[in-house]
Amino acid sequence: MTIKRVILEADAAEPICFLLTAYIEATRFYVRQNEGFARLMHLPLGDVDDIRARLAELKLLSCDALLNENGIYGDMLDEAIDIFSAAFNRLQFLAWEKQRQSISKAGGCQIAVVGVKSSV
């Protein structure tokens, strides 16, 4: 089973953050030579916004690498984008699911349409 698969199947944020931290630890040794890539692989890992920002920066580095051939290890960069994307998407889904469940437990939401109030 791959790290990406475990992240996509995780049912809580903690294992996702743990696996993403382990991935960063494992790759930091290899990316030290590239300052841009190494800057994104620092610890500690922050919240979902931090993961989103790092993912955006990785994608920019990928575009830059394609345009300028600036020496970034292409396979490692693609893998990092894949892992960070999986983590970010799963964390977003878990947050959405938690919000949906809390709304459901509260008895649904109230919707008002042209003066008619109804419960969903």
PDB file of N, CA and C in Angstrom:
ATOM      1  N   MET A   1       0.850  -1.169   0.000  1.00  0.00           N
ATOM      2  CA  MET A   1       0.000   0.000   0.000  1.00  0.00           C
ATOM      3  C   MET A   1       0.903   1.241   0.000  1.00  0.00           C
ATOM      4  N   THR A   2       0.568   2.215  -0.810  1.00  0.00           N
ATOM      5  CA  THR A   2       1.373   3.426  -0.905  1.00  0.00           C
ATOM      6  C   THR A   2       0.943   4.461   0.125  1.00  0.00           C
ATOM      7  N   ILE A   3       1.815   5.415   0.385  1.00  0.00           N
ATOM      8  CA  ILE A   3       1.488   6.486   1.326  1.00  0.00           C
ATOM      9  C   ILE A   3       0.275   7.273   0.838  1.00  0.00           C
ATOM     10  N   LYS A   4       0.179   7.451  -0.462  1.00  0.00           N
ATOM     11  CA  LYS A   4      -0.968   8.178  -1.017  1.00  0.00           C
ATOM     12  C   LYS A   4      -2.268   7.429  -0.737  1.00  0.00           C
ATOM     13  N   ARG A   5      -2.261   6.127  -0.908  1.00  0.00           N
ATOM     14  CA  ARG A   5      -3.463   5.320  -0.684  1.00  0.00           C
ATOM     15  C   ARG A   5      -3.892   5.393   0.782  1.00  0.00           C
ATOM     16  N   VAL A   6      -2.933   5.327   1.694  1.00  0.00           N
ATOM     17  CA  VAL A   6      -3.264   5.398   3.117  1.00  0.00           C
ATOM     18  C   VAL A   6      -3.845   6.772   3.450  1.00  0.00           C
ATOM     19  N   ILE A   7      -3.261   7.831   2.881  1.00  0.00           N
ATOM     20  CA  ILE A   7      -3.779   9.177   3.099  1.00  0.00           C
ATOM     21  C   ILE A   7      -5.218   9.276   2.592  1.00  0.00           C
ATOM     22  N   LEU A   8      -5.472   8.757   1.404  1.00  0.00           N
ATOM     23  CA  LEU A   8      -6.811   8.853   0.818  1.00  0.00           C
ATOM     24  C   LEU A   8      -7.854   8.032   1.576  1.00  0.00           C
ATOM     25  N   GLU A   9      -7.412   7.047   2.336  1.00  0.00           N
ATOM     26  CA  GLU A   9      -8.343   6.215   3.094  1.00  0.00           C
ATOM     27  C   GLU A   9      -8.421   6.582   4.569  1.00  0.00           C
ATOM     28  N   ALA A  10      -7.607   7.542   5.005  1.00  0.00           N
ATOM     29  CA  ALA A  10      -7.594   7.938   6.414  1.00  0.00           C
ATOM     30  C   ALA A  10      -8.936   8.524   6.821  1.00  0.00           C
ATOM     31  N   ASP A  11      -9.338   8.224   8.046  1.00  0.00           N
ATOM     32  CA  ASP A  11     -10.632   8.711   8.519  1.00  0.00           C
ATOM     33  C   ASP A  11     -10.505   9.843   9.542  1.00  0.00           C
ATOM     34  N   ALA A  12      -9.285  10.374   9.685  1.00  0.00           N
ATOM     35  CA  ALA A  12      -9.059  11.496  10.595  1.00  0.00           C
ATOM     36  C   ALA A  12      -7.849  12.298  10.112  1.00  0.00           C
ATOM     37  N   ALA A  13      -7.749  13.520  10.579  1.00  0.00           N
ATOM     38  CA  ALA A  13      -6.663  14.407  10.157  1.00  0.00           C
ATOM     39  C   ALA A  13      -5.312  13.974  10.726  1.00  0.00           C
ATOM     40  N   GLU A  14      -5.294  13.404  11.914  1.00  0.00           N
ATOM     41  CA  GLU A  14      -4.039  13.069  12.576  1.00  0.00           C
ATOM     42  C   GLU A  14      -3.169  12.100  11.768  1.00  0.00           C
ATOM     43  N   PRO A  15      -3.735  10.984  11.268  1.00  0.00           N
ATOM     44  CA  PRO A  15      -2.881  10.093  10.476  1.00  0.00           C
ATOM     45  C   PRO A  15      -2.380  10.743   9.192  1.00  0.00           C
ATOM     46  N   ILE A  16      -3.174  11.619   8.611  1.00  0.00           N
ATOM     47  CA  ILE A  16      -2.762  12.309   7.388  1.00  0.00           C
ATOM     48  C   ILE A  16      -1.560  13.200   7.684  1.00  0.00           C
ATOM     49  N   CYS A  17      -1.654  13.974   8.747  1.00  0.00           N
ATOM     50  CA  CYS A  17      -0.546  14.861   9.115  1.00  0.00           C
ATOM     51  C   CYS A  17       0.687  14.061   9.508  1.00  0.00           C
ATOM     52  N   PHE A  18       0.500  12.961  10.200  1.00  0.00           N
ATOM     53  CA  PHE A  18       1.622  12.096  10.562  1.00  0.00           C
ATOM     54  C   PHE A  18       2.324  11.564   9.307  1.00  0.00           C
ATOM     55  N   LEU A  19       1.547  11.067   8.346  1.00  0.00           N
ATOM     56  CA  LEU A  19       2.137  10.518   7.117  1.00  0.00           C
ATOM     57  C   LEU A  19       2.799  11.601   6.267  1.00  0.00           C
ATOM     58  N   LEU A  20       2.195  12.769   6.210  1.00  0.00           N
ATOM     59  CA  LEU A  20       2.795  13.864   5.452  1.00  0.00           C
ATOM     60  C   LEU A  20       4.105  14.309   6.118  1.00  0.00           C
ATOM     61  N   THR A  21       4.132  14.341   7.439  1.00  0.00           N
ATOM     62  CA  THR A  21       5.364  14.664   8.166  1.00  0.00           C
ATOM     63  C   THR A  21       6.436  13.611   7.892  1.00  0.00           C
ATOM     64  N   ALA A  22       6.059  12.344   7.906  1.00  0.00           N
ATOM     65  CA  ALA A  22       7.009  11.271   7.612  1.00  0.00           C
ATOM     66  C   ALA A  22       7.533  11.383   6.184  1.00  0.00           C
ATOM     67  N   TYR A  23       6.670  11.736   5.255  1.00  0.00           N
ATOM     68  CA  TYR A  23       7.094  11.916   3.859  1.00  0.00           C
ATOM     69  C   TYR A  23       8.103  13.063   3.755  1.00  0.00           C
ATOM     70  N   ILE A  24       7.817  14.170   4.427  1.00  0.00           N
ATOM     71  CA  ILE A  24       8.738  15.309   4.406  1.00  0.00           C
ATOM     72  C   ILE A  24      10.085  14.908   4.997  1.00  0.00           C
ATOM     73  N   GLU A  25      10.063  14.205   6.117  1.00  0.00           N
ATOM     74  CA  GLU A  25      11.310  13.737   6.741  1.00  0.00           C
ATOM     75  C   GLU A  25      12.103  12.858   5.778  1.00  0.00           C
ATOM     76  N   ALA A  26      11.416  11.980   5.086  1.00  0.00           N
ATOM     77  CA  ALA A  26      12.093  11.049   4.176  1.00  0.00           C
ATOM     78  C   ALA A  26      12.697  11.748   2.964  1.00  0.00           C
ATOM     79  N   THR A  27      12.084  12.812   2.509  1.00  0.00           N
ATOM     80  CA  THR A  27      12.563  13.461   1.285  1.00  0.00           C
ATOM     81  C   THR A  27      13.527  14.613   1.545  1.00  0.00           C
ATOM     82  N   ARG A  28      13.579  15.125   2.751  1.00  0.00           N
ATOM     83  CA  ARG A  28      14.428  16.297   3.029  1.00  0.00           C
ATOM     84  C   ARG A  28      15.896  16.042   2.710  1.00  0.00           C
ATOM     85  N   PHE A  29      16.368  14.864   2.933  1.00  0.00           N
ATOM     86  CA  PHE A  29      17.766  14.544   2.648  1.00  0.00           C
ATOM     87  C   PHE A  29      18.084  14.717   1.166  1.00  0.00           C
ATOM     88  N   TYR A  30      17.164  14.334   0.316  1.00  0.00           N
ATOM     89  CA  TYR A  30      17.403  14.370  -1.121  1.00  0.00           C
ATOM     90  C   TYR A  30      17.175  15.737  -1.758  1.00  0.00           C
ATOM     91  N   VAL A  31      16.403  16.574  -1.122  1.00  0.00           N
ATOM     92  CA  VAL A  31      16.061  17.855  -1.749  1.00  0.00           C
ATOM     93  C   VAL A  31      16.886  19.022  -1.213  1.00  0.00           C
ATOM     94  N   ARG A  32      17.816  18.770  -0.308  1.00  0.00           N
ATOM     95  CA  ARG A  32      18.615  19.848   0.272  1.00  0.00           C
ATOM     96  C   ARG A  32      19.360  20.658  -0.775  1.00  0.00           C
ATOM     97  N   GLN A  33      19.718  20.030  -1.870  1.00  0.00           N
ATOM     98  CA  GLN A  33      20.510  20.711  -2.891  1.00  0.00           C
ATOM     99  C   GLN A  33      19.688  21.715  -3.692  1.00  0.00           C
ATOM    100  N   ASN A  34      18.400  21.603  -3.675  1.00  0.00           N
ATOM    101  CA  ASN A  34      17.563  22.558  -4.394  1.00  0.00           C
ATOM    102  C   ASN A  34      16.870  23.452  -3.378  1.00  0.00           C
ATOM    103  N   GLU A  35      17.269  24.700  -3.332  1.00  0.00           N
ATOM    104  CA  GLU A  35      16.780  25.623  -2.309  1.00  0.00           C
ATOM    105  C   GLU A  35      15.266  25.811  -2.346  1.00  0.00           C
ATOM    106  N   GLY A  36      14.686  25.951  -3.537  1.00  0.00           N
ATOM    107  CA  GLY A  36      13.250  26.160  -3.651  1.00  0.00           C
ATOM    108  C   GLY A  36      12.446  24.980  -3.141  1.00  0.00           C
ATOM    109  N   PHE A  37      12.868  23.799  -3.515  1.00  0.00           N
ATOM    110  CA  PHE A  37      12.184  22.573  -3.086  1.00  0.00           C
ATOM    111  C   PHE A  37      12.406  22.344  -1.596  1.00  0.00           C
ATOM    112  N   ALA A  38      13.643  22.521  -1.136  1.00  0.00           N
ATOM    113  CA  ALA A  38      13.970  22.296   0.273  1.00  0.00           C
ATOM    114  C   ALA A  38      13.191  23.245   1.186  1.00  0.00           C
ATOM    115  N   ARG A  39      12.960  24.469   0.727  1.00  0.00           N
ATOM    116  CA  ARG A  39      12.214  25.462   1.517  1.00  0.00           C
ATOM    117  C   ARG A  39      10.803  24.968   1.838  1.00  0.00           C
ATOM    118  N   LEU A  40      10.230  24.182   0.943  1.00  0.00           N
ATOM    119  CA  LEU A  40       8.865  23.687   1.138  1.00  0.00           C
ATOM    120  C   LEU A  40       8.812  22.411   1.975  1.00  0.00           C
ATOM    121  N   MET A  41       9.951  21.799   2.173  1.00  0.00           N
ATOM    122  CA  MET A  41       9.998  20.543   2.913  1.00  0.00           C
ATOM    123  C   MET A  41      10.562  20.737   4.315  1.00  0.00           C
ATOM    124  N   HIS A  42      10.106  21.793   4.986  1.00  0.00           N
ATOM    125  CA  HIS A  42      10.553  22.031   6.354  1.00  0.00           C
ATOM    126  C   HIS A  42       9.461  21.594   7.331  1.00  0.00           C
ATOM    127  N   LEU A  43       9.875  21.397   8.549  1.00  0.00           N
ATOM    128  CA  LEU A  43       8.944  21.040   9.615  1.00  0.00           C
ATOM    129  C   LEU A  43       9.004  22.121  10.676  1.00  0.00           C
ATOM    130  N   PRO A  44       8.005  22.321  11.455  1.00  0.00           N
ATOM    131  CA  PRO A  44       6.793  21.520  11.554  1.00  0.00           C
ATOM    132  C   PRO A  44       5.794  21.863  10.452  1.00  0.00           C
ATOM    133  N   LEU A  45       4.937  20.927  10.240  1.00  0.00           N
ATOM    134  CA  LEU A  45       3.850  21.085   9.290  1.00  0.00           C
ATOM    135  C   LEU A  45       2.735  21.854   9.984  1.00  0.00           C
ATOM    136  N   GLY A  46       2.125  22.792   9.279  1.00  0.00           N
ATOM    137  CA  GLY A  46       1.058  23.596   9.874  1.00  0.00           C
ATOM    138  C   GLY A  46      -0.315  23.004   9.623  1.00  0.00           C
ATOM    139  N   ASP A  47      -1.281  23.866   9.515  1.00  0.00           N
ATOM    140  CA  ASP A  47      -2.663  23.449   9.309  1.00  0.00           C
ATOM    141  C   ASP A  47      -2.959  23.250   7.823  1.00  0.00           C
ATOM    142  N   VAL A  48      -4.215  23.122   7.488  1.00  0.00           N
ATOM    143  CA  VAL A  48      -4.630  22.903   6.104  1.00  0.00           C
ATOM    144  C   VAL A  48      -4.177  24.049   5.203  1.00  0.00           C
ATOM    145  N   ASP A  49      -4.209  25.272   5.724  1.00  0.00           N
ATOM    146  CA  ASP A  49      -3.758  26.406   4.923  1.00  0.00           C
ATOM    147  C   ASP A  49      -2.274  26.314   4.593  1.00  0.00           C
ATOM    148  N   ASP A  50      -1.484  25.805   5.519  1.00  0.00           N
ATOM    149  CA  ASP A  50      -0.056  25.595   5.263  1.00  0.00           C
ATOM    150  C   ASP A  50       0.136  24.551   4.168  1.00  0.00           C
ATOM    151  N   ILE A  51      -0.619  23.480   4.233  1.00  0.00           N
ATOM    152  CA  ILE A  51      -0.531  22.432   3.213  1.00  0.00           C
ATOM    153  C   ILE A  51      -0.963  22.985   1.858  1.00  0.00           C
ATOM    154  N   ARG A  52      -2.009  23.773   1.847  1.00  0.00           N
ATOM    155  CA  ARG A  52      -2.476  24.398   0.602  1.00  0.00           C
ATOM    156  C   ARG A  52      -1.391  25.307   0.014  1.00  0.00           C
ATOM    157  N   ALA A  53      -0.757  26.114   0.855  1.00  0.00           N
ATOM    158  CA  ALA A  53       0.293  27.034   0.390  1.00  0.00           C
ATOM    159  C   ALA A  53       1.494  26.260  -0.153  1.00  0.00           C
ATOM    160  N   ARG A  54       1.886  25.203   0.545  1.00  0.00           N
ATOM    161  CA  ARG A  54       3.018  24.401   0.062  1.00  0.00           C
ATOM    162  C   ARG A  54       2.678  23.721  -1.263  1.00  0.00           C
ATOM    163  N   LEU A  55       1.471  23.235  -1.388  1.00  0.00           N
ATOM    164  CA  LEU A  55       1.040  22.603  -2.631  1.00  0.00           C
ATOM    165  C   LEU A  55       1.082  23.604  -3.784  1.00  0.00           C
ATOM    166  N   ALA A  56       0.600  24.806  -3.557  1.00  0.00           N
ATOM    167  CA  ALA A  56       0.631  25.843  -4.593  1.00  0.00           C
ATOM    168  C   ALA A  56       2.068  26.154  -4.997  1.00  0.00           C
ATOM    169  N   GLU A  57       2.960  26.252  -4.018  1.00  0.00           N
ATOM    170  CA  GLU A  57       4.372  26.517  -4.315  1.00  0.00           C
ATOM    171  C   GLU A  57       5.015  25.360  -5.078  1.00  0.00           C
ATOM    172  N   LEU A  58       4.662  24.136  -4.712  1.00  0.00           N
ATOM    173  CA  LEU A  58       5.193  22.971  -5.442  1.00  0.00           C
ATOM    174  C   LEU A  58       4.744  23.005  -6.900  1.00  0.00           C
ATOM    175  N   LYS A  59       3.493  23.378  -7.123  1.00  0.00           N
ATOM    176  CA  LYS A  59       2.992  23.462  -8.500  1.00  0.00           C
ATOM    177  C   LYS A  59       3.711  24.559  -9.277  1.00  0.00           C
ATOM    178  N   LEU A  60       3.995  25.678  -8.619  1.00  0.00           N
ATOM    179  CA  LEU A  60       4.756  26.744  -9.277  1.00  0.00           C
ATOM    180  C   LEU A  60       6.171  26.276  -9.613  1.00  0.00           C
ATOM    181  N   LEU A  61       6.794  25.553  -8.687  1.00  0.00           N
ATOM    182  CA  LEU A  61       8.126  25.008  -8.960  1.00  0.00           C
ATOM    183  C   LEU A  61       8.086  24.045 -10.138  1.00  0.00           C
ATOM    184  N   SER A  62       7.017  23.283 -10.223  1.00  0.00           N
ATOM    185  CA  SER A  62       6.873  22.335 -11.330  1.00  0.00           C
ATOM    186  C   SER A  62       6.789  23.069 -12.656  1.00  0.00           C
ATOM    187  N   CYS A  63       5.997  24.141 -12.702  1.00  0.00           N
ATOM    188  CA  CYS A  63       5.904  24.942 -13.927  1.00  0.00           C
ATOM    189  C   CYS A  63       7.250  25.559 -14.263  1.00  0.00           C
ATOM    190  N   ASP A  64       7.923  26.073 -13.258  1.00  0.00           N
ATOM    191  CA  ASP A  64       9.233  26.685 -13.451  1.00  0.00           C
ATOM    192  C   ASP A  64      10.235  25.656 -13.960  1.00  0.00           C
ATOM    193  N   ALA A  65      10.171  24.450 -13.407  1.00  0.00           N
ATOM    194  CA  ALA A  65      11.089  23.389 -13.836  1.00  0.00           C
ATOM    195  C   ALA A  65      10.842  23.020 -15.287  1.00  0.00           C
ATOM    196  N   LEU A  66       9.585  22.986 -15.690  1.00  0.00           N
ATOM    197  CA  LEU A  66       9.267  22.660 -17.072  1.00  0.00           C
ATOM    198  C   LEU A  66       9.736  23.752 -18.025  1.00  0.00           C
ATOM    199  N   LEU A  67       9.581  25.008 -17.604  1.00  0.00           N
ATOM    200  CA  LEU A  67       9.953  26.121 -18.476  1.00  0.00           C
ATOM    201  C   LEU A  67      11.465  26.367 -18.511  1.00  0.00           C
ATOM    202  N   ASN A  68      12.120  26.245 -17.355  1.00  0.00           N
ATOM    203  CA  ASN A  68      13.519  26.639 -17.252  1.00  0.00           C
ATOM    204  C   ASN A  68      14.495  25.480 -17.065  1.00  0.00           C
ATOM    205  N   GLU A  69      13.968  24.286 -16.872  1.00  0.00           N
ATOM    206  CA  GLU A  69      14.820  23.130 -16.597  1.00  0.00           C
ATOM    207  C   GLU A  69      15.849  23.491 -15.529  1.00  0.00           C
ATOM    208  N   ASN A  70      15.358  23.927 -14.376  1.00  0.00           N
ATOM    209  CA  ASN A  70      16.238  24.459 -13.348  1.00  0.00           C
ATOM    210  C   ASN A  70      16.836  23.412 -12.408  1.00  0.00           C
ATOM    211  N   GLY A  71      16.818  22.157 -12.761  1.00  0.00           N
ATOM    212  CA  GLY A  71      17.524  21.146 -11.989  1.00  0.00           C
ATOM    213  C   GLY A  71      16.730  20.462 -10.896  1.00  0.00           C
ATOM    214  N   ILE A  72      15.471  20.784 -10.743  1.00  0.00           N
ATOM    215  CA  ILE A  72      14.677  20.090  -9.728  1.00  0.00           C
ATOM    216  C   ILE A  72      14.446  18.662 -10.197  1.00  0.00           C
ATOM    217  N   TYR A  73      14.528  17.762  -9.275  1.00  0.00           N
ATOM    218  CA  TYR A  73      14.282  16.363  -9.600  1.00  0.00           C
ATOM    219  C   TYR A  73      12.815  16.211  -9.978  1.00  0.00           C
ATOM    220  N   GLY A  74      12.549  16.047 -11.259  1.00  0.00           N
ATOM    221  CA  GLY A  74      11.183  16.012 -11.767  1.00  0.00           C
ATOM    222  C   GLY A  74      10.298  14.966 -11.128  1.00  0.00           C
ATOM    223  N   ASP A  75      10.802  13.743 -10.990  1.00  0.00           N
ATOM    224  CA  ASP A  75       9.994  12.672 -10.402  1.00  0.00           C
ATOM    225  C   ASP A  75       9.658  12.964  -8.945  1.00  0.00           C
ATOM    226  N   MET A  76      10.629  13.491  -8.211  1.00  0.00           N
ATOM    227  CA  MET A  76      10.377  13.803  -6.800  1.00  0.00           C
ATOM    228  C   MET A  76       9.385  14.946  -6.663  1.00  0.00           C
ATOM    229  N   LEU A  77       9.479  15.917  -7.543  1.00  0.00           N
ATOM    230  CA  LEU A  77       8.550  17.043  -7.514  1.00  0.00           C
ATOM    231  C   LEU A  77       7.138  16.577  -7.846  1.00  0.00           C
ATOM    232  N   ASP A  78       7.006  15.739  -8.863  1.00  0.00           N
ATOM    233  CA  ASP A  78       5.688  15.186  -9.215  1.00  0.00           C
ATOM    234  C   ASP A  78       5.112  14.367  -8.064  1.00  0.00           C
ATOM    235  N   GLU A  79       5.974  13.568  -7.428  1.00  0.00           N
ATOM    236  CA  GLU A  79       5.525  12.764  -6.297  1.00  0.00           C
ATOM    237  C   GLU A  79       5.075  13.656  -5.139  1.00  0.00           C
ATOM    238  N   ALA A  80       5.834  14.706  -4.849  1.00  0.00           N
ATOM    239  CA  ALA A  80       5.474  15.618  -3.754  1.00  0.00           C
ATOM    240  C   ALA A  80       4.132  16.285  -4.038  1.00  0.00           C
ATOM    241  N   ILE A  81       3.929  16.713  -5.263  1.00  0.00           N
ATOM    242  CA  ILE A  81       2.648  17.328  -5.635  1.00  0.00           C
ATOM    243  C   ILE A  81       1.516  16.321  -5.448  1.00  0.00           C
ATOM    244  N   ASP A  82       1.742  15.097  -5.852  1.00  0.00           N
ATOM    245  CA  ASP A  82       0.733  14.042  -5.723  1.00  0.00           C
ATOM    246  C   ASP A  82       0.388  13.778  -4.255  1.00  0.00           C
ATOM    247  N   ILE A  83       1.400  13.673  -3.410  1.00  0.00           N
ATOM    248  CA  ILE A  83       1.188  13.385  -1.982  1.00  0.00           C
ATOM    249  C   ILE A  83       0.516  14.582  -1.288  1.00  0.00           C
ATOM    250  N   PHE A  84       1.017  15.795  -1.531  1.00  0.00           N
ATOM    251  CA  PHE A  84       0.421  16.972  -0.913  1.00  0.00           C
ATOM    252  C   PHE A  84      -1.012  17.180  -1.402  1.00  0.00           C
ATOM    253  N   SER A  85      -1.277  16.915  -2.682  1.00  0.00           N
ATOM    254  CA  SER A  85      -2.642  17.033  -3.210  1.00  0.00           C
ATOM    255  C   SER A  85      -3.578  16.047  -2.523  1.00  0.00           C
ATOM    256  N   ALA A  86      -3.121  14.814  -2.379  1.00  0.00           N
ATOM    257  CA  ALA A  86      -3.941  13.797  -1.715  1.00  0.00           C
ATOM    258  C   ALA A  86      -4.247  14.212  -0.279  1.00  0.00           C
ATOM    259  N   ALA A  87      -3.221  14.689   0.434  1.00  0.00           N
ATOM    260  CA  ALA A  87      -3.423  15.104   1.830  1.00  0.00           C
ATOM    261  C   ALA A  87      -4.378  16.286   1.924  1.00  0.00           C
ATOM    262  N   PHE A  88      -4.158  17.286   1.087  1.00  0.00           N
ATOM    263  CA  PHE A  88      -5.023  18.467   1.123  1.00  0.00           C
ATOM    264  C   PHE A  88      -6.462  18.112   0.794  1.00  0.00           C
ATOM    265  N   ASN A  89      -6.662  17.340  -0.264  1.00  0.00           N
ATOM    266  CA  ASN A  89      -8.020  16.969  -0.672  1.00  0.00           C
ATOM    267  C   ASN A  89      -8.720  16.133   0.391  1.00  0.00           C
ATOM    268  N   ARG A  90      -7.981  15.202   1.004  1.00  0.00           N
ATOM    269  CA  ARG A  90      -8.594  14.363   2.037  1.00  0.00           C
ATOM    270  C   ARG A  90      -8.945  15.188   3.272  1.00  0.00           C
ATOM    271  N   LEU A  91      -8.057  16.103   3.663  1.00  0.00           N
ATOM    272  CA  LEU A  91      -8.357  16.961   4.810  1.00  0.00           C
ATOM    273  C   LEU A  91      -9.567  17.849   4.533  1.00  0.00           C
ATOM    274  N   GLN A  92      -9.671  18.360   3.321  1.00  0.00           N
ATOM    275  CA  GLN A  92     -10.836  19.159   2.947  1.00  0.00           C
ATOM    276  C   GLN A  92     -12.114  18.325   3.014  1.00  0.00           C
ATOM    277  N   PHE A  93     -12.045  17.099   2.507  1.00  0.00           N
ATOM    278  CA  PHE A  93     -13.209  16.226   2.536  1.00  0.00           C
ATOM    279  C   PHE A  93     -13.616  15.910   3.974  1.00  0.00           C
ATOM    280  N   LEU A  94     -12.640  15.588   4.834  1.00  0.00           N
ATOM    281  CA  LEU A  94     -12.951  15.272   6.232  1.00  0.00           C
ATOM    282  C   LEU A  94     -13.585  16.468   6.938  1.00  0.00           C
ATOM    283  N   ALA A  95     -13.104  17.670   6.650  1.00  0.00           N
ATOM    284  CA  ALA A  95     -13.701  18.880   7.246  1.00  0.00           C
ATOM    285  C   ALA A  95     -15.130  19.059   6.761  1.00  0.00           C
ATOM    286  N   TRP A  96     -15.354  18.833   5.471  1.00  0.00           N
ATOM    287  CA  TRP A  96     -16.693  18.941   4.908  1.00  0.00           C
ATOM    288  C   TRP A  96     -17.623  17.897   5.538  1.00  0.00           C
ATOM    289  N   GLU A  97     -17.124  16.678   5.650  1.00  0.00           N
ATOM    290  CA  GLU A  97     -17.921  15.591   6.228  1.00  0.00           C
ATOM    291  C   GLU A  97     -18.290  15.898   7.681  1.00  0.00           C
ATOM    292  N   LYS A  98     -17.351  16.434   8.432  1.00  0.00           N
ATOM    293  CA  LYS A  98     -17.612  16.788   9.830  1.00  0.00           C
ATOM    294  C   LYS A  98     -18.677  17.875   9.918  1.00  0.00           C
ATOM    295  N   GLN A  99     -18.586  18.865   9.042  1.00  0.00           N
ATOM    296  CA  GLN A  99     -19.579  19.938   9.020  1.00  0.00           C
ATOM    297  C   GLN A  99     -20.954  19.395   8.623  1.00  0.00           C
ATOM    298  N   ARG A 100     -20.985  18.509   7.630  1.00  0.00           N
ATOM    299  CA  ARG A 100     -22.243  17.923   7.183  1.00  0.00           C
ATOM    300  C   ARG A 100     -22.900  17.123   8.304  1.00  0.00           C
ATOM    301  N   GLN A 101     -22.105  16.371   9.050  1.00  0.00           N
ATOM    302  CA  GLN A 101     -22.644  15.581  10.149  1.00  0.00           C
ATOM    303  C   GLN A 101     -23.175  16.457  11.276  1.00  0.00           C
ATOM    304  N   SER A 102     -22.490  17.563  11.549  1.00  0.00           N
ATOM    305  CA  SER A 102     -22.968  18.442  12.612  1.00  0.00           C
ATOM    306  C   SER A 102     -24.278  19.124  12.211  1.00  0.00           C
ATOM    307  N   ILE A 103     -24.418  19.447  10.939  1.00  0.00           N
ATOM    308  CA  ILE A 103     -25.678  20.025  10.454  1.00  0.00           C
ATOM    309  C   ILE A 103     -26.786  18.986  10.544  1.00  0.00           C
ATOM    310  N   SER A 104     -26.469  17.760  10.175  1.00  0.00           N
ATOM    311  CA  SER A 104     -27.450  16.682  10.216  1.00  0.00           C
ATOM    312  C   SER A 104     -27.914  16.418  11.649  1.00  0.00           C
ATOM    313  N   LYS A 105     -26.974  16.428  12.608  1.00  0.00           N
ATOM    314  CA  LYS A 105     -27.323  16.198  14.011  1.00  0.00           C
ATOM    315  C   LYS A 105     -28.158  17.344  14.572  1.00  0.00           C
ATOM    316  N   ALA A 106     -27.987  18.530  14.014  1.00  0.00           N
ATOM    317  CA  ALA A 106     -28.736  19.698  14.490  1.00  0.00           C
ATOM    318  C   ALA A 106     -30.136  19.747  13.900  1.00  0.00           C
ATOM    319  N   GLY A 107     -30.494  18.755  13.113  1.00  0.00           N
ATOM    320  CA  GLY A 107     -31.847  18.712  12.571  1.00  0.00           C
ATOM    321  C   GLY A 107     -31.972  19.323  11.196  1.00  0.00           C
ATOM    322  N   GLY A 108     -30.886  19.417  10.495  1.00  0.00           N
ATOM    323  CA  GLY A 108     -30.942  19.981   9.147  1.00  0.00           C
ATOM    324  C   GLY A 108     -30.756  21.477   9.172  1.00  0.00           C
ATOM    325  N   CYS A 109     -30.882  22.070   8.041  1.00  0.00           N
ATOM    326  CA  CYS A 109     -30.740  23.523   7.968  1.00  0.00           C
ATOM    327  C   CYS A 109     -32.065  24.130   7.534  1.00  0.00           C
ATOM    328  N   GLN A 110     -32.248  25.342   7.900  1.00  0.00           N
ATOM    329  CA  GLN A 110     -33.474  26.054   7.547  1.00  0.00           C
ATOM    330  C   GLN A 110     -33.258  26.791   6.230  1.00  0.00           C
ATOM    331  N   ILE A 111     -34.194  26.636   5.317  1.00  0.00           N
ATOM    332  CA  ILE A 111     -34.112  27.314   4.041  1.00  0.00           C
ATOM    333  C   ILE A 111     -35.349  28.167   3.871  1.00  0.00           C
ATOM    334  N   ALA A 112     -35.129  29.418   3.548  1.00  0.00           N
ATOM    335  CA  ALA A 112     -36.253  30.330   3.311  1.00  0.00           C
ATOM    336  C   ALA A 112     -36.267  30.685   1.829  1.00  0.00           C
ATOM    337  N   VAL A 113     -37.389  30.407   1.159  1.00  0.00           N
ATOM    338  CA  VAL A 113     -37.523  30.717  -0.262  1.00  0.00           C
ATOM    339  C   VAL A 113     -38.757  31.577  -0.439  1.00  0.00           C
ATOM    340  N   VAL A 114     -38.598  32.745  -0.923  1.00  0.00           N
ATOM    341  CA  VAL A 114     -39.678  33.706  -1.193  1.00  0.00           C
ATOM    342  C   VAL A 114     -40.714  33.701  -0.072  1.00  0.00           C
ATOM    343  N   GLY A 115     -40.216  33.901   1.122  1.00  0.00           N
ATOM    344  CA  GLY A 115     -41.117  34.024   2.258  1.00  0.00           C
ATOM    345  C   GLY A 115     -41.653  32.711   2.800  1.00  0.00           C
ATOM    346  N   VAL A 116     -41.348  31.574   2.179  1.00  0.00           N
ATOM    347  CA  VAL A 116     -41.808  30.282   2.671  1.00  0.00           C
ATOM    348  C   VAL A 116     -40.642  29.621   3.383  1.00  0.00           C
ATOM    349  N   LYS A 117     -40.830  29.271   4.641  1.00  0.00           N
ATOM    350  CA  LYS A 117     -39.767  28.670   5.411  1.00  0.00           C
ATOM    351  C   LYS A 117     -39.996  27.171   5.492  1.00  0.00           C
ATOM    352  N   SER A 118     -38.950  26.413   5.197  1.00  0.00           N
ATOM    353  CA  SER A 118     -39.090  24.969   5.275  1.00  0.00           C
ATOM    354  C   SER A 118     -37.816  24.365   5.821  1.00  0.00           C
ATOM    355  N   SER A 119     -37.919  23.209   6.403  1.00  0.00           N
ATOM    356  CA  SER A 119     -36.751  22.534   6.990  1.00  0.00           C
ATOM    357  C   SER A 119     -36.319  21.403   6.066  1.00  0.00           C
ATOM    358  N   VAL A 120     -35.006  21.302   5.852  1.00  0.00           N
ATOM    359  CA  VAL A 120     -34.466  20.240   4.986  1.00  0.00           C
ATOM    360  C   VAL A 120     -33.848  19.181   5.835  1.00  0.00           C
TER     361      VAL A 120
END
